[in-house]
Amino acid sequence: MAELLQVDKLRAGYGEAVVLHEVSFTLGEGQTLALLGRNGTGKTTLINTLAGATRQHGGAISFGAGPSRVALHQLPSHERAAAGIGWVPQERNIFKSLTVHENLTAVARPGKWNPDGVYAMFPRLAERKGNLGTQLSGGEQQMLAVGRALVLNPKLLLLDEPLEGLAPIIVEELLRAIRRITREEGLSAIIVEQHPQAILAISDSAVVLDRGMVVHAGTAQALREQPERLDHLLGVAR
């Protein structure tokens, strides 16, 4: 398995405030990583740093395979997207003044994922392709945010709490879609989520952050099979 992403001794934050301290991990091509931790431990900061939306104070991020490998930390955010980073932030950041279809076609790049593929995966969006972003429910906006990242045809998908605040039926629909994207289609992904067992079930590896540092790294299966260890790492009292 070829290595797709290498994060080495990363230090990053906002302005002069350093949130991440010496964070290191790797991700292989076609692999999914569950990024876990309590609230405020640096998970979103790490996702934002990979996307180029924070200030990096040290360390390196290498991305890609073979001759296309780049020093990601040296690129501005728009060049990271061009290099193959697909980002779905907590805020979703869809174009609310555009229709569903315009959201998808405005950013689409050549590749296997196109608007029709997104509609096939999310039939709700197909039914609402002429609706403005402001006319969508929260779950539909999240589906559109995922679809918009996919039509960029990225090599790595960053998902920051994609299930947060959604109705159970929408959670199940999104989980099925994420499972298809990662397990069946083989797209590499890093997923931040407050539902650890649901994400560990469709992930290959897991990293747990605490106070901006990696306190655990290993296989997702091993962590899933040790619920008491998982609860301890996440500060959950039984």
Foldseek 3Di string as FASTA:
>chain_A
DAWFKWWAQWWWDADPDTQAGGATDTDRFLFEEEEEAAPSQCPLVVLCQLLQNTGTDDTWMWGDDDPLIDGSNVDHNVVSLVSFEQEQHPVLPFQQAAFLQCSQVVQADDDDQGPVNLCVLPVVCVVRRRPGNVPDDPLVSLSSSVSNSCRSVGQEYEEEASPPPDDPVSSVSVLVVVLCVRVVVSRYYYYYHPPLLSRLVSGQKYFYGGSNYTPDIDGSVVCNVCVVVVCVSHVHDD
